[in-house]
Amino acid sequence: MNKIRKGDQVIVLTGRDKGKRGTVTQRVDDDRVVVEGVNVVKKHVKPNPMKGTTGGVIDKTLPIHQSNIAIFNPATGKADRVGVKFLADKTKVRVFKSSGEEIKA
């Protein structure tokens, strides 16, 4: 079970974007996620008339490793760790480690 999923509010823990908050827009693979507004770089693109794209400098959001982000806990207003808890009907749910309350996704 992935502890960080698409649509989660996260905070960046390390790197040049430390302290920024954003939403996970996609999971690239098991280790990397794309967070909205985090790890944005300038990319120079050539024009391609076959695809109808113009050239220039664009802003592109690159993936960030999931060890460098933590889920945002709205109750405390801080970053928090994620744990897994089994319910009575043997289903797994994600919980905040600090409070033990279930994560609403």
PDB file of N, CA and C in Angstrom:
ATOM      1  N   MET A   1       0.847  -1.182   0.000  1.00  0.00           N
ATOM      2  CA  MET A   1       0.000   0.000   0.000  1.00  0.00           C
ATOM      3  C   MET A   1       0.892   1.245   0.000  1.00  0.00           C
ATOM      4  N   ASN A   2       0.612   2.145  -0.932  1.00  0.00           N
ATOM      5  CA  ASN A   2       1.371   3.397  -0.992  1.00  0.00           C
ATOM      6  C   ASN A   2       0.898   4.318   0.119  1.00  0.00           C
ATOM      7  N   LYS A   3       1.862   4.863   0.859  1.00  0.00           N
ATOM      8  CA  LYS A   3       1.502   5.753   1.958  1.00  0.00           C
ATOM      9  C   LYS A   3       1.154   7.143   1.457  1.00  0.00           C
ATOM     10  N   ILE A   4       1.681   7.518   0.292  1.00  0.00           N
ATOM     11  CA  ILE A   4       1.345   8.802  -0.323  1.00  0.00           C
ATOM     12  C   ILE A   4       0.662   8.518  -1.646  1.00  0.00           C
ATOM     13  N   ARG A   5      -0.513   9.073  -1.813  1.00  0.00           N
ATOM     14  CA  ARG A   5      -1.325   8.791  -2.995  1.00  0.00           C
ATOM     15  C   ARG A   5      -1.635  10.072  -3.761  1.00  0.00           C
ATOM     16  N   LYS A   6      -2.171   9.881  -4.948  1.00  0.00           N
ATOM     17  CA  LYS A   6      -2.598  11.010  -5.777  1.00  0.00           C
ATOM     18  C   LYS A   6      -3.713  11.760  -5.061  1.00  0.00           C
ATOM     19  N   GLY A   7      -3.594  13.078  -5.010  1.00  0.00           N
ATOM     20  CA  GLY A   7      -4.604  13.912  -4.368  1.00  0.00           C
ATOM     21  C   GLY A   7      -4.272  14.297  -2.943  1.00  0.00           C
ATOM     22  N   ASP A   8      -3.206  13.749  -2.370  1.00  0.00           N
ATOM     23  CA  ASP A   8      -2.812  14.081  -1.001  1.00  0.00           C
ATOM     24  C   ASP A   8      -2.140  15.445  -0.944  1.00  0.00           C
ATOM     25  N   GLN A   9      -2.363  16.185   0.149  1.00  0.00           N
ATOM     26  CA  GLN A   9      -1.646  17.424   0.430  1.00  0.00           C
ATOM     27  C   GLN A   9      -0.331  17.043   1.096  1.00  0.00           C
ATOM     28  N   VAL A  10       0.796  17.508   0.542  1.00  0.00           N
ATOM     29  CA  VAL A  10       2.101  17.156   1.095  1.00  0.00           C
ATOM     30  C   VAL A  10       2.945  18.405   1.321  1.00  0.00           C
ATOM     31  N   ILE A  11       3.984  18.257   2.157  1.00  0.00           N
ATOM     32  CA  ILE A  11       4.957  19.308   2.423  1.00  0.00           C
ATOM     33  C   ILE A  11       6.325  18.772   2.048  1.00  0.00           C
ATOM     34  N   VAL A  12       7.150  19.605   1.396  1.00  0.00           N
ATOM     35  CA  VAL A  12       8.494  19.200   1.006  1.00  0.00           C
ATOM     36  C   VAL A  12       9.415  19.351   2.223  1.00  0.00           C
ATOM     37  N   LEU A  13      10.188  18.298   2.501  1.00  0.00           N
ATOM     38  CA  LEU A  13      11.056  18.281   3.678  1.00  0.00           C
ATOM     39  C   LEU A  13      12.470  18.744   3.367  1.00  0.00           C
ATOM     40  N   THR A  14      12.991  18.449   2.183  1.00  0.00           N
ATOM     41  CA  THR A  14      14.369  18.781   1.837  1.00  0.00           C
ATOM     42  C   THR A  14      14.447  19.332   0.424  1.00  0.00           C
ATOM     43  N   GLY A  15      15.584  19.948   0.116  1.00  0.00           N
ATOM     44  CA  GLY A  15      15.814  20.457  -1.233  1.00  0.00           C
ATOM     45  C   GLY A  15      15.544  21.940  -1.336  1.00  0.00           C
ATOM     46  N   ARG A  16      15.608  22.439  -2.559  1.00  0.00           N
ATOM     47  CA  ARG A  16      15.452  23.881  -2.753  1.00  0.00           C
ATOM     48  C   ARG A  16      14.018  24.348  -2.545  1.00  0.00           C
ATOM     49  N   ASP A  17      13.053  23.436  -2.580  1.00  0.00           N
ATOM     50  CA  ASP A  17      11.651  23.782  -2.365  1.00  0.00           C
ATOM     51  C   ASP A  17      11.181  23.438  -0.958  1.00  0.00           C
ATOM     52  N   LYS A  18      12.110  23.353  -0.011  1.00  0.00           N
ATOM     53  CA  LYS A  18      11.790  22.960   1.365  1.00  0.00           C
ATOM     54  C   LYS A  18      10.737  23.891   1.962  1.00  0.00           C
ATOM     55  N   GLY A  19       9.721  23.292   2.570  1.00  0.00           N
ATOM     56  CA  GLY A  19       8.658  24.063   3.203  1.00  0.00           C
ATOM     57  C   GLY A  19       7.462  24.322   2.314  1.00  0.00           C
ATOM     58  N   LYS A  20       7.577  24.095   1.012  1.00  0.00           N
ATOM     59  CA  LYS A  20       6.445  24.326   0.110  1.00  0.00           C
ATOM     60  C   LYS A  20       5.398  23.239   0.291  1.00  0.00           C
ATOM     61  N   ARG A  21       4.166  23.638   0.055  1.00  0.00           N
ATOM     62  CA  ARG A  21       3.044  22.716   0.165  1.00  0.00           C
ATOM     63  C   ARG A  21       2.385  22.568  -1.186  1.00  0.00           C
ATOM     64  N   GLY A  22       1.922  21.379  -1.515  1.00  0.00           N
ATOM     65  CA  GLY A  22       1.253  21.157  -2.780  1.00  0.00           C
ATOM     66  C   GLY A  22       0.483  19.852  -2.773  1.00  0.00           C
ATOM     67  N   THR A  23      -0.197  19.597  -3.892  1.00  0.00           N
ATOM     68  CA  THR A  23      -1.004  18.396  -4.044  1.00  0.00           C
ATOM     69  C   THR A  23      -0.299  17.433  -4.983  1.00  0.00           C
ATOM     70  N   VAL A  24      -0.331  16.155  -4.656  1.00  0.00           N
ATOM     71  CA  VAL A  24       0.255  15.135  -5.515  1.00  0.00           C
ATOM     72  C   VAL A  24      -0.648  14.979  -6.731  1.00  0.00           C
ATOM     73  N   THR A  25      -0.084  15.219  -7.934  1.00  0.00           N
ATOM     74  CA  THR A  25      -0.878  15.119  -9.150  1.00  0.00           C
ATOM     75  C   THR A  25      -0.759  13.766  -9.821  1.00  0.00           C
ATOM     76  N   GLN A  26       0.388  13.088  -9.631  1.00  0.00           N
ATOM     77  CA  GLN A  26       0.525  11.752 -10.193  1.00  0.00           C
ATOM     78  C   GLN A  26       1.678  11.005  -9.543  1.00  0.00           C
ATOM     79  N   ARG A  27       1.606   9.679  -9.592  1.00  0.00           N
ATOM     80  CA  ARG A  27       2.705   8.813  -9.164  1.00  0.00           C
ATOM     81  C   ARG A  27       3.398   8.329 -10.424  1.00  0.00           C
ATOM     82  N   VAL A  28       4.701   8.629 -10.541  1.00  0.00           N
ATOM     83  CA  VAL A  28       5.452   8.228 -11.728  1.00  0.00           C
ATOM     84  C   VAL A  28       5.799   6.746 -11.642  1.00  0.00           C
ATOM     85  N   ASP A  29       6.326   6.310 -10.503  1.00  0.00           N
ATOM     86  CA  ASP A  29       6.606   4.903 -10.242  1.00  0.00           C
ATOM     87  C   ASP A  29       6.477   4.674  -8.740  1.00  0.00           C
ATOM     88  N   ASP A  30       7.073   3.603  -8.233  1.00  0.00           N
ATOM     89  CA  ASP A  30       6.934   3.296  -6.807  1.00  0.00           C
ATOM     90  C   ASP A  30       7.603   4.318  -5.900  1.00  0.00           C
ATOM     91  N   ASP A  31       8.640   5.006  -6.402  1.00  0.00           N
ATOM     92  CA  ASP A  31       9.421   5.907  -5.554  1.00  0.00           C
ATOM     93  C   ASP A  31       9.177   7.387  -5.799  1.00  0.00           C
ATOM     94  N   ARG A  32       8.703   7.769  -6.965  1.00  0.00           N
ATOM     95  CA  ARG A  32       8.639   9.184  -7.324  1.00  0.00           C
ATOM     96  C   ARG A  32       7.203   9.651  -7.572  1.00  0.00           C
ATOM     97  N   VAL A  33       6.946  10.915  -7.147  1.00  0.00           N
ATOM     98  CA  VAL A  33       5.635  11.530  -7.343  1.00  0.00           C
ATOM     99  C   VAL A  33       5.822  12.930  -7.916  1.00  0.00           C
ATOM    100  N   VAL A  34       4.808  13.411  -8.602  1.00  0.00           N
ATOM    101  CA  VAL A  34       4.805  14.780  -9.119  1.00  0.00           C
ATOM    102  C   VAL A  34       3.901  15.599  -8.208  1.00  0.00           C
ATOM    103  N   VAL A  35       4.474  16.681  -7.648  1.00  0.00           N
ATOM    104  CA  VAL A  35       3.730  17.552  -6.739  1.00  0.00           C
ATOM    105  C   VAL A  35       3.545  18.901  -7.427  1.00  0.00           C
ATOM    106  N   GLU A  36       2.330  19.389  -7.412  1.00  0.00           N
ATOM    107  CA  GLU A  36       1.972  20.638  -8.057  1.00  0.00           C
ATOM    108  C   GLU A  36       2.738  21.815  -7.453  1.00  0.00           C
ATOM    109  N   GLY A  37       3.490  22.548  -8.285  1.00  0.00           N
ATOM    110  CA  GLY A  37       4.219  23.725  -7.841  1.00  0.00           C
ATOM    111  C   GLY A  37       5.560  23.448  -7.191  1.00  0.00           C
ATOM    112  N   VAL A  38       6.002  22.207  -7.187  1.00  0.00           N
ATOM    113  CA  VAL A  38       7.267  21.825  -6.556  1.00  0.00           C
ATOM    114  C   VAL A  38       8.178  21.218  -7.617  1.00  0.00           C
ATOM    115  N   ASN A  39       9.479  21.537  -7.547  1.00  0.00           N
ATOM    116  CA  ASN A  39      10.484  21.021  -8.480  1.00  0.00           C
ATOM    117  C   ASN A  39      10.172  21.462  -9.910  1.00  0.00           C
ATOM    118  N   VAL A  40       9.870  22.741 -10.082  1.00  0.00           N
ATOM    119  CA  VAL A  40       9.563  23.304 -11.404  1.00  0.00           C
ATOM    120  C   VAL A  40      10.861  23.810 -12.024  1.00  0.00           C
ATOM    121  N   VAL A  41      11.124  23.382 -13.258  1.00  0.00           N
ATOM    122  CA  VAL A  41      12.340  23.782 -13.963  1.00  0.00           C
ATOM    123  C   VAL A  41      11.975  24.430 -15.289  1.00  0.00           C
ATOM    124  N   LYS A  42      12.925  25.196 -15.831  1.00  0.00           N
ATOM    125  CA  LYS A  42      12.758  25.791 -17.156  1.00  0.00           C
ATOM    126  C   LYS A  42      13.312  24.812 -18.178  1.00  0.00           C
ATOM    127  N   LYS A  43      12.548  24.540 -19.229  1.00  0.00           N
ATOM    128  CA  LYS A  43      12.994  23.618 -20.268  1.00  0.00           C
ATOM    129  C   LYS A  43      12.896  24.313 -21.606  1.00  0.00           C
ATOM    130  N   HIS A  44      13.974  24.224 -22.370  1.00  0.00           N
ATOM    131  CA  HIS A  44      13.991  24.800 -23.707  1.00  0.00           C
ATOM    132  C   HIS A  44      13.472  23.759 -24.692  1.00  0.00           C
ATOM    133  N   VAL A  45      12.446  24.141 -25.465  1.00  0.00           N
ATOM    134  CA  VAL A  45      11.843  23.199 -26.410  1.00  0.00           C
ATOM    135  C   VAL A  45      11.960  23.728 -27.827  1.00  0.00           C
ATOM    136  N   LYS A  46      12.254  22.830 -28.728  1.00  0.00           N
ATOM    137  CA  LYS A  46      12.317  23.178 -30.143  1.00  0.00           C
ATOM    138  C   LYS A  46      10.902  23.204 -30.710  1.00  0.00           C
ATOM    139  N   PRO A  47      10.676  24.040 -31.707  1.00  0.00           N
ATOM    140  CA  PRO A  47       9.357  24.018 -32.351  1.00  0.00           C
ATOM    141  C   PRO A  47       9.189  22.739 -33.173  1.00  0.00           C
ATOM    142  N   ASN A  48       7.976  22.211 -33.190  1.00  0.00           N
ATOM    143  CA  ASN A  48       7.680  21.017 -33.965  1.00  0.00           C
ATOM    144  C   ASN A  48       6.400  21.267 -34.752  1.00  0.00           C
ATOM    145  N   PRO A  49       6.546  21.604 -36.052  1.00  0.00           N
ATOM    146  CA  PRO A  49       5.349  21.907 -36.845  1.00  0.00           C
ATOM    147  C   PRO A  49       4.451  20.695 -37.065  1.00  0.00           C
ATOM    148  N   MET A  50       5.004  19.495 -36.973  1.00  0.00           N
ATOM    149  CA  MET A  50       4.183  18.288 -37.147  1.00  0.00           C
ATOM    150  C   MET A  50       3.195  18.133 -35.980  1.00  0.00           C
ATOM    151  N   LYS A  51       3.620  18.464 -34.799  1.00  0.00           N
ATOM    152  CA  LYS A  51       2.750  18.371 -33.623  1.00  0.00           C
ATOM    153  C   LYS A  51       2.021  19.681 -33.352  1.00  0.00           C
ATOM    154  N   GLY A  52       2.451  20.742 -34.005  1.00  0.00           N
ATOM    155  CA  GLY A  52       1.813  22.041 -33.817  1.00  0.00           C
ATOM    156  C   GLY A  52       2.278  22.764 -32.568  1.00  0.00           C
ATOM    157  N   THR A  53       3.488  22.440 -32.085  1.00  0.00           N
ATOM    158  CA  THR A  53       3.997  23.112 -30.894  1.00  0.00           C
ATOM    159  C   THR A  53       4.974  24.209 -31.298  1.00  0.00           C
ATOM    160  N   THR A  54       4.939  25.292 -30.536  1.00  0.00           N
ATOM    161  CA  THR A  54       5.878  26.371 -30.776  1.00  0.00           C
ATOM    162  C   THR A  54       7.073  26.185 -29.853  1.00  0.00           C
ATOM    163  N   GLY A  55       8.200  26.725 -30.246  1.00  0.00           N
ATOM    164  CA  GLY A  55       9.405  26.604 -29.433  1.00  0.00           C
ATOM    165  C   GLY A  55       9.450  27.666 -28.360  1.00  0.00           C
ATOM    166  N   GLY A  56      10.406  27.535 -27.475  1.00  0.00           N
ATOM    167  CA  GLY A  56      10.571  28.533 -26.431  1.00  0.00           C
ATOM    168  C   GLY A  56      10.965  27.889 -25.117  1.00  0.00           C
ATOM    169  N   VAL A  57      10.853  28.667 -24.063  1.00  0.00           N
ATOM    170  CA  VAL A  57      11.186  28.192 -22.735  1.00  0.00           C
ATOM    171  C   VAL A  57       9.887  27.952 -21.978  1.00  0.00           C
ATOM    172  N   ILE A  58       9.708  26.719 -21.485  1.00  0.00           N
ATOM    173  CA  ILE A  58       8.487  26.378 -20.756  1.00  0.00           C
ATOM    174  C   ILE A  58       8.846  25.966 -19.329  1.00  0.00           C
ATOM    175  N   ASP A  59       7.886  26.082 -18.431  1.00  0.00           N
ATOM    176  CA  ASP A  59       8.041  25.580 -17.070  1.00  0.00           C
ATOM    177  C   ASP A  59       7.527  24.147 -17.035  1.00  0.00           C
ATOM    178  N   LYS A  60       8.338  23.249 -16.491  1.00  0.00           N
ATOM    179  CA  LYS A  60       7.968  21.849 -16.430  1.00  0.00           C
ATOM    180  C   LYS A  60       8.128  21.359 -14.992  1.00  0.00           C
ATOM    181  N   THR A  61       7.136  20.622 -14.496  1.00  0.00           N
ATOM    182  CA  THR A  61       7.195  20.062 -13.149  1.00  0.00           C
ATOM    183  C   THR A  61       7.775  18.660 -13.230  1.00  0.00           C
ATOM    184  N   LEU A  62       8.896  18.452 -12.543  1.00  0.00           N
ATOM    185  CA  LEU A  62       9.559  17.155 -12.550  1.00  0.00           C
ATOM    186  C   LEU A  62       9.203  16.374 -11.279  1.00  0.00           C
ATOM    187  N   PRO A  63       9.355  15.046 -11.331  1.00  0.00           N
ATOM    188  CA  PRO A  63       9.043  14.234 -10.151  1.00  0.00           C
ATOM    189  C   PRO A  63      10.027  14.471  -9.008  1.00  0.00           C
ATOM    190  N   ILE A  64       9.570  14.182  -7.797  1.00  0.00           N
ATOM    191  CA  ILE A  64      10.384  14.289  -6.596  1.00  0.00           C
ATOM    192  C   ILE A  64      10.275  12.955  -5.850  1.00  0.00           C
ATOM    193  N   HIS A  65      11.348  12.557  -5.184  1.00  0.00           N
ATOM    194  CA  HIS A  65      11.345  11.283  -4.464  1.00  0.00           C
ATOM    195  C   HIS A  65      10.428  11.385  -3.251  1.00  0.00           C
ATOM    196  N   GLN A  66       9.694  10.309  -2.991  1.00  0.00           N
ATOM    197  CA  GLN A  66       8.700  10.367  -1.916  1.00  0.00           C
ATOM    198  C   GLN A  66       9.319  10.431  -0.518  1.00  0.00           C
ATOM    199  N   SER A  67      10.619  10.135  -0.410  1.00  0.00           N
ATOM    200  CA  SER A  67      11.259  10.259   0.897  1.00  0.00           C
ATOM    201  C   SER A  67      11.504  11.718   1.253  1.00  0.00           C
ATOM    202  N   ASN A  68      11.401  12.617   0.281  1.00  0.00           N
ATOM    203  CA  ASN A  68      11.635  14.040   0.509  1.00  0.00           C
ATOM    204  C   ASN A  68      10.354  14.820   0.789  1.00  0.00           C
ATOM    205  N   ILE A  69       9.222  14.126   0.891  1.00  0.00           N
ATOM    206  CA  ILE A  69       7.958  14.789   1.194  1.00  0.00           C
ATOM    207  C   ILE A  69       7.266  14.071   2.342  1.00  0.00           C
ATOM    208  N   ALA A  70       6.379  14.785   3.021  1.00  0.00           N
ATOM    209  CA  ALA A  70       5.570  14.202   4.095  1.00  0.00           C
ATOM    210  C   ALA A  70       4.144  14.699   3.945  1.00  0.00           C
ATOM    211  N   ILE A  71       3.209  13.890   4.370  1.00  0.00           N
ATOM    212  CA  ILE A  71       1.798  14.253   4.232  1.00  0.00           C
ATOM    213  C   ILE A  71       1.463  15.382   5.211  1.00  0.00           C
ATOM    214  N   PHE A  72       0.549  16.266   4.810  1.00  0.00           N
ATOM    215  CA  PHE A  72       0.152  17.421   5.616  1.00  0.00           C
ATOM    216  C   PHE A  72      -1.030  17.039   6.497  1.00  0.00           C
ATOM    217  N   ASN A  73      -0.890  17.310   7.791  1.00  0.00           N
ATOM    218  CA  ASN A  73      -1.963  17.046   8.750  1.00  0.00           C
ATOM    219  C   ASN A  73      -2.708  18.354   9.014  1.00  0.00           C
ATOM    220  N   PRO A  74      -3.955  18.488   8.533  1.00  0.00           N
ATOM    221  CA  PRO A  74      -4.676  19.750   8.710  1.00  0.00           C
ATOM    222  C   PRO A  74      -5.023  20.056  10.169  1.00  0.00           C
ATOM    223  N   ALA A  75      -5.098  19.046  11.014  1.00  0.00           N
ATOM    224  CA  ALA A  75      -5.431  19.281  12.421  1.00  0.00           C
ATOM    225  C   ALA A  75      -4.301  20.011  13.144  1.00  0.00           C
ATOM    226  N   THR A  76      -3.060  19.632  12.864  1.00  0.00           N
ATOM    227  CA  THR A  76      -1.917  20.261  13.523  1.00  0.00           C
ATOM    228  C   THR A  76      -1.291  21.355  12.681  1.00  0.00           C
ATOM    229  N   GLY A  77      -1.516  21.315  11.364  1.00  0.00           N
ATOM    230  CA  GLY A  77      -0.914  22.289  10.460  1.00  0.00           C
ATOM    231  C   GLY A  77       0.539  21.988  10.154  1.00  0.00           C
ATOM    232  N   LYS A  78       0.979  20.772  10.432  1.00  0.00           N
ATOM    233  CA  LYS A  78       2.366  20.373  10.214  1.00  0.00           C
ATOM    234  C   LYS A  78       2.438  19.108   9.377  1.00  0.00           C
ATOM    235  N   ALA A  79       3.678  18.747   9.012  1.00  0.00           N
ATOM    236  CA  ALA A  79       3.910  17.489   8.310  1.00  0.00           C
ATOM    237  C   ALA A  79       3.772  16.337   9.291  1.00  0.00           C
ATOM    238  N   ASP A  80       3.366  15.189   8.778  1.00  0.00           N
ATOM    239  CA  ASP A  80       3.170  14.027   9.636  1.00  0.00           C
ATOM    240  C   ASP A  80       3.554  12.759   8.889  1.00  0.00           C
ATOM    241  N   ARG A  81       3.847  11.713   9.675  1.00  0.00           N
ATOM    242  CA  ARG A  81       4.145  10.423   9.080  1.00  0.00           C
ATOM    243  C   ARG A  81       2.862   9.626   8.919  1.00  0.00           C
ATOM    244  N   VAL A  82       2.909   8.609   8.065  1.00  0.00           N
ATOM    245  CA  VAL A  82       1.729   7.817   7.758  1.00  0.00           C
ATOM    246  C   VAL A  82       1.929   6.399   8.266  1.00  0.00           C
ATOM    247  N   GLY A  83       0.914   5.879   8.951  1.00  0.00           N
ATOM    248  CA  GLY A  83       0.917   4.493   9.402  1.00  0.00           C
ATOM    249  C   GLY A  83      -0.254   3.756   8.783  1.00  0.00           C
ATOM    250  N   VAL A  84      -0.246   2.448   8.928  1.00  0.00           N
ATOM    251  CA  VAL A  84      -1.318   1.619   8.393  1.00  0.00           C
ATOM    252  C   VAL A  84      -1.989   0.908   9.553  1.00  0.00           C
ATOM    253  N   LYS A  85      -3.327   0.912   9.544  1.00  0.00           N
ATOM    254  CA  LYS A  85      -4.088   0.301  10.627  1.00  0.00           C
ATOM    255  C   LYS A  85      -5.111  -0.651  10.012  1.00  0.00           C
ATOM    256  N   PHE A  86      -5.316  -1.787  10.646  1.00  0.00           N
ATOM    257  CA  PHE A  86      -6.308  -2.751  10.173  1.00  0.00           C
ATOM    258  C   PHE A  86      -7.614  -2.534  10.934  1.00  0.00           C
ATOM    259  N   LEU A  87      -8.711  -2.447  10.195  1.00  0.00           N
ATOM    260  CA  LEU A  87     -10.025  -2.303  10.820  1.00  0.00           C
ATOM    261  C   LEU A  87     -10.585  -3.680  11.156  1.00  0.00           C
ATOM    262  N   ALA A  88     -11.744  -3.710  11.789  1.00  0.00           N
ATOM    263  CA  ALA A  88     -12.356  -4.970  12.218  1.00  0.00           C
ATOM    264  C   ALA A  88     -12.689  -5.886  11.028  1.00  0.00           C
ATOM    265  N   ASP A  89     -13.049  -5.285   9.902  1.00  0.00           N
ATOM    266  CA  ASP A  89     -13.393  -6.098   8.727  1.00  0.00           C
ATOM    267  C   ASP A  89     -12.172  -6.385   7.849  1.00  0.00           C
ATOM    268  N   LYS A  90     -10.980  -6.330   8.439  1.00  0.00           N
ATOM    269  CA  LYS A  90      -9.700  -6.686   7.798  1.00  0.00           C
ATOM    270  C   LYS A  90      -9.337  -5.811   6.604  1.00  0.00           C
ATOM    271  N   THR A  91      -9.799  -4.549   6.597  1.00  0.00           N
ATOM    272  CA  THR A  91      -9.383  -3.609   5.571  1.00  0.00           C
ATOM    273  C   THR A  91      -8.303  -2.700   6.132  1.00  0.00           C
ATOM    274  N   LYS A  92      -7.385  -2.294   5.263  1.00  0.00           N
ATOM    275  CA  LYS A  92      -6.298  -1.423   5.688  1.00  0.00           C
ATOM    276  C   LYS A  92      -6.684   0.028   5.454  1.00  0.00           C
ATOM    277  N   VAL A  93      -6.377   0.890   6.401  1.00  0.00           N
ATOM    278  CA  VAL A  93      -6.586   2.329   6.251  1.00  0.00           C
ATOM    279  C   VAL A  93      -5.307   3.045   6.661  1.00  0.00           C
ATOM    280  N   ARG A  94      -5.099   4.213   6.066  1.00  0.00           N
ATOM    281  CA  ARG A  94      -3.939   5.033   6.425  1.00  0.00           C
ATOM    282  C   ARG A  94      -4.313   5.936   7.589  1.00  0.00           C
ATOM    283  N   VAL A  95      -3.384   6.081   8.536  1.00  0.00           N
ATOM    284  CA  VAL A  95      -3.619   6.926   9.704  1.00  0.00           C
ATOM    285  C   VAL A  95      -2.415   7.825   9.926  1.00  0.00           C
ATOM    286  N   PHE A  96      -2.654   8.976  10.584  1.00  0.00           N
ATOM    287  CA  PHE A  96      -1.564   9.849  10.995  1.00  0.00           C
ATOM    288  C   PHE A  96      -0.879   9.221  12.197  1.00  0.00           C
ATOM    289  N   LYS A  97       0.461   9.201  12.201  1.00  0.00           N
ATOM    290  CA  LYS A  97       1.213   8.597  13.299  1.00  0.00           C
ATOM    291  C   LYS A  97       1.060   9.388  14.594  1.00  0.00           C
ATOM    292  N   SER A  98       0.956  10.715  14.505  1.00  0.00           N
ATOM    293  CA  SER A  98       0.917  11.535  15.717  1.00  0.00           C
ATOM    294  C   SER A  98      -0.391  11.384  16.472  1.00  0.00           C
ATOM    295  N   SER A  99      -1.516  11.370  15.752  1.00  0.00           N
ATOM    296  CA  SER A  99      -2.812  11.345  16.422  1.00  0.00           C
ATOM    297  C   SER A  99      -3.536  10.009  16.293  1.00  0.00           C
ATOM    298  N   GLY A 100      -3.221   9.222  15.280  1.00  0.00           N
ATOM    299  CA  GLY A 100      -3.887   7.948  15.076  1.00  0.00           C
ATOM    300  C   GLY A 100      -5.206   8.064  14.332  1.00  0.00           C
ATOM    301  N   GLU A 101      -5.571   9.290  13.917  1.00  0.00           N
ATOM    302  CA  GLU A 101      -6.835   9.447  13.198  1.00  0.00           C
ATOM    303  C   GLU A 101      -6.674   9.084  11.728  1.00  0.00           C
ATOM    304  N   GLU A 102      -7.748   8.645  11.111  1.00  0.00           N
ATOM    305  CA  GLU A 102      -7.726   8.162   9.740  1.00  0.00           C
ATOM    306  C   GLU A 102      -7.526   9.306   8.761  1.00  0.00           C
ATOM    307  N   ILE A 103      -6.793   9.042   7.685  1.00  0.00           N
ATOM    308  CA  ILE A 103      -6.542  10.037   6.638  1.00  0.00           C
ATOM    309  C   ILE A 103      -7.692   9.997   5.644  1.00  0.00           C
ATOM    310  N   LYS A 104      -8.349  11.114   5.464  1.00  0.00           N
ATOM    311  CA  LYS A 104      -9.446  11.208   4.494  1.00  0.00           C
ATOM    312  C   LYS A 104      -8.849  11.608   3.141  1.00  0.00           C
ATOM    313  N   ALA A 105      -9.025  10.741   2.147  1.00  0.00           N
ATOM    314  CA  ALA A 105      -8.422  11.027   0.843  1.00  0.00           C
ATOM    315  C   ALA A 105      -9.482  11.275  -0.201  1.00  0.00           C
TER     316      ALA A 105
END
